[in-house]
C-alpha atoms as a PDB file:
ATOM      1  CA  MET A   1     -12.572  10.901   1.152  1.00  0.00           C
ATOM      2  CA  LYS A   2      -9.167  12.392   1.974  1.00  0.00           C
ATOM      3  CA  GLU A   3      -6.028  10.326   1.419  1.00  0.00           C
ATOM      4  CA  LYS A   4      -5.009  10.483   5.087  1.00  0.00           C
ATOM      5  CA  ASP A   5      -8.430   9.177   6.171  1.00  0.00           C
ATOM      6  CA  ILE A   6      -8.302   6.264   3.727  1.00  0.00           C
ATOM      7  CA  GLU A   7      -4.752   5.442   4.821  1.00  0.00           C
ATOM      8  CA  ALA A   8      -5.615   5.630   8.545  1.00  0.00           C
ATOM      9  CA  LYS A   9      -8.553   3.244   8.156  1.00  0.00           C
ATOM     10  CA  VAL A  10      -6.479   0.674   6.265  1.00  0.00           C
ATOM     11  CA  VAL A  11      -3.582   0.949   8.718  1.00  0.00           C
ATOM     12  CA  ARG A  12      -5.879   0.386  11.729  1.00  0.00           C
ATOM     13  CA  CYS A  13      -7.431  -2.693  10.142  1.00  0.00           C
ATOM     14  CA  ALA A  14      -4.080  -4.095   9.021  1.00  0.00           C
ATOM     15  CA  ARG A  15      -2.567  -3.741  12.496  1.00  0.00           C
ATOM     16  CA  ALA A  16      -5.671  -5.347  14.032  1.00  0.00           C
ATOM     17  CA  ASN A  17      -5.070  -8.318  11.695  1.00  0.00           C
ATOM     18  CA  GLY A  18      -1.451  -8.810  12.678  1.00  0.00           C
ATOM     19  CA  PHE A  19       0.320  -6.871   9.933  1.00  0.00           C
ATOM     20  CA  LEU A  20       3.412  -4.824  10.620  1.00  0.00           C
ATOM     21  CA  VAL A  21       2.860  -1.417   9.024  1.00  0.00           C
ATOM     22  CA  TYR A  22       5.545   1.083   8.077  1.00  0.00           C
ATOM     23  CA  LYS A  23       5.349   4.538   6.596  1.00  0.00           C
ATOM     24  CA  PHE A  24       7.617   4.002   3.626  1.00  0.00           C
ATOM     25  CA  VAL A  25      10.028   6.821   2.846  1.00  0.00           C
ATOM     26  CA  SER A  26      13.171   6.535   0.817  1.00  0.00           C
ATOM     27  CA  PRO A  27      15.580   9.473   0.594  1.00  0.00           C
ATOM     28  CA  GLY A  28      16.321  10.213  -3.033  1.00  0.00           C
ATOM     29  CA  ARG A  29      13.225   8.326  -4.223  1.00  0.00           C
ATOM     30  CA  PRO A  30      10.287  10.604  -3.402  1.00  0.00           C
ATOM     31  CA  SER A  31       7.742   8.613  -5.414  1.00  0.00           C
ATOM     32  CA  VAL A  32       7.783   5.365  -3.416  1.00  0.00           C
ATOM     33  CA  PRO A  33       4.416   3.987  -2.218  1.00  0.00           C
ATOM     34  CA  ASP A  34       3.028   5.440   1.008  1.00  0.00           C
ATOM     35  CA  ARG A  35       3.017   2.317   3.159  1.00  0.00           C
ATOM     36  CA  MET A  36       4.707  -1.045   3.444  1.00  0.00           C
ATOM     37  CA  PHE A  37       2.681  -3.858   5.023  1.00  0.00           C
ATOM     38  CA  ILE A  38       4.243  -7.092   6.239  1.00  0.00           C
ATOM     39  CA  ALA A  39       1.719  -9.872   6.705  1.00  0.00           C
ATOM     40  CA  PRO A  40       2.094 -12.583   9.325  1.00  0.00           C
ATOM     41  CA  GLY A  41       4.251 -15.120   7.514  1.00  0.00           C
ATOM     42  CA  GLY A  42       6.427 -12.474   5.883  1.00  0.00           C
ATOM     43  CA  CYS A  43       4.626 -11.419   2.702  1.00  0.00           C
ATOM     44  CA  VAL A  44       5.593  -7.775   1.959  1.00  0.00           C
ATOM     45  CA  LEU A  45       2.999  -5.552   0.282  1.00  0.00           C
ATOM     46  CA  PHE A  46       3.016  -1.892  -0.725  1.00  0.00           C
ATOM     47  CA  ILE A  47       0.101   0.523  -1.034  1.00  0.00           C
ATOM     48  CA  GLU A  48       0.023   3.949  -2.647  1.00  0.00           C
ATOM     49  CA  PHE A  49      -2.968   5.805  -1.220  1.00  0.00           C
ATOM     50  CA  LYS A  50      -4.781   8.469  -3.210  1.00  0.00           C
ATOM     51  CA  GLN A  51      -7.591  10.868  -2.432  1.00  0.00           C
ATOM     52  CA  SER A  52     -10.937   9.715  -3.833  1.00  0.00           C
ATOM     53  CA  GLY A  53     -10.918  10.140  -7.601  1.00  0.00           C
ATOM     54  CA  LYS A  54      -7.185  10.892  -7.841  1.00  0.00           C
ATOM     55  CA  THR A  55      -4.575   8.824  -9.669  1.00  0.00           C
ATOM     56  CA  PRO A  56      -0.821   8.348  -9.196  1.00  0.00           C
ATOM     57  CA  THR A  57       1.615  10.732 -10.815  1.00  0.00           C
ATOM     58  CA  ALA A  58       3.805   9.585 -13.690  1.00  0.00           C
ATOM     59  CA  ARG A  59       6.781   9.312 -11.313  1.00  0.00           C
ATOM     60  CA  GLN A  60       4.741   7.232  -8.873  1.00  0.00           C
ATOM     61  CA  MET A  61       3.676   4.914 -11.699  1.00  0.00           C
ATOM     62  CA  GLN A  62       7.333   4.496 -12.716  1.00  0.00           C
ATOM     63  CA  GLU A  63       8.293   3.579  -9.160  1.00  0.00           C
ATOM     64  CA  ILE A  64       5.372   1.151  -8.851  1.00  0.00           C
ATOM     65  CA  ALA A  65       6.398  -0.487 -12.143  1.00  0.00           C
ATOM     66  CA  ARG A  66       9.968  -0.720 -10.869  1.00  0.00           C
ATOM     67  CA  LEU A  67       8.844  -2.498  -7.686  1.00  0.00           C
ATOM     68  CA  GLU A  68       6.543  -4.833  -9.623  1.00  0.00           C
ATOM     69  CA  HIS A  69       9.391  -5.687 -11.998  1.00  0.00           C
ATOM     70  CA  GLN A  70      11.306  -6.884  -8.928  1.00  0.00           C
ATOM     71  CA  GLY A  71       8.364  -9.117  -7.987  1.00  0.00           C
ATOM     72  CA  CYS A  72       6.796  -6.865  -5.341  1.00  0.00           C
ATOM     73  CA  GLN A  73       3.062  -6.636  -4.859  1.00  0.00           C
ATOM     74  CA  VAL A  74       1.883  -3.032  -5.117  1.00  0.00           C
ATOM     75  CA  VAL A  75      -1.600  -1.575  -5.246  1.00  0.00           C
ATOM     76  CA  THR A  76      -2.834   1.978  -5.680  1.00  0.00           C
ATOM     77  CA  THR A  77      -6.149   2.777  -4.074  1.00  0.00           C
ATOM     78  CA  ASP A  78      -8.581   5.562  -3.279  1.00  0.00           C
ATOM     79  CA  ASP A  79     -10.919   3.100  -1.520  1.00  0.00           C
ATOM     80  CA  ALA A  80     -10.191   1.841   1.997  1.00  0.00           C
ATOM     81  CA  GLU A  81     -12.529  -1.156   1.791  1.00  0.00           C
ATOM     82  CA  LYS A  82     -10.927  -2.430  -1.426  1.00  0.00           C
ATOM     83  CA  ALA A  83      -7.455  -2.046   0.095  1.00  0.00           C
ATOM     84  CA  ILE A  84      -8.509  -3.946   3.217  1.00  0.00           C
ATOM     85  CA  LYS A  85      -9.959  -6.786   1.119  1.00  0.00           C
ATOM     86  CA  TRP A  86      -6.756  -6.899  -0.949  1.00  0.00           C
ATOM     87  CA  LEU A  87      -4.568  -7.106   2.171  1.00  0.00           C
ATOM     88  CA  LYS A  88      -6.709  -9.862   3.691  1.00  0.00           C
ATOM     89  CA  PHE A  89      -6.626 -11.815   0.417  1.00  0.00           C
ATOM     90  CA  GLN A  90      -2.843 -11.467   0.160  1.00  0.00           C
ATOM     91  CA  GLN A  91      -2.560 -12.650   3.767  1.00  0.00           C
ATOM     92  CA  LEU A  92      -4.505 -15.803   2.862  1.00  0.00           C
ATOM     93  CA  VAL A  93      -2.555 -16.637  -0.300  1.00  0.00           C
ATOM     94  CA  GLY A  94       0.840 -15.242   0.769  1.00  0.00           C
END
């Protein structure tokens, strides 16, 4: 499955469940995760989407580690259903 298709499916489901969803871009930091999700209640989550079978680049992994070091919740996925389950779980525990 293409990255854009995986991302679109997760975004639709997240919005339907009350999440605010932003395309995350940061000038000067090209390796930030693709999307920022804000759950009802304020929990902020990041997802880096990948095409099926692909993995993050070394720079993306460094940026993910940097966010996690600050206490952020970040997931990388090539599977829409797993990402949706993760978001719903975070919404429950967040």
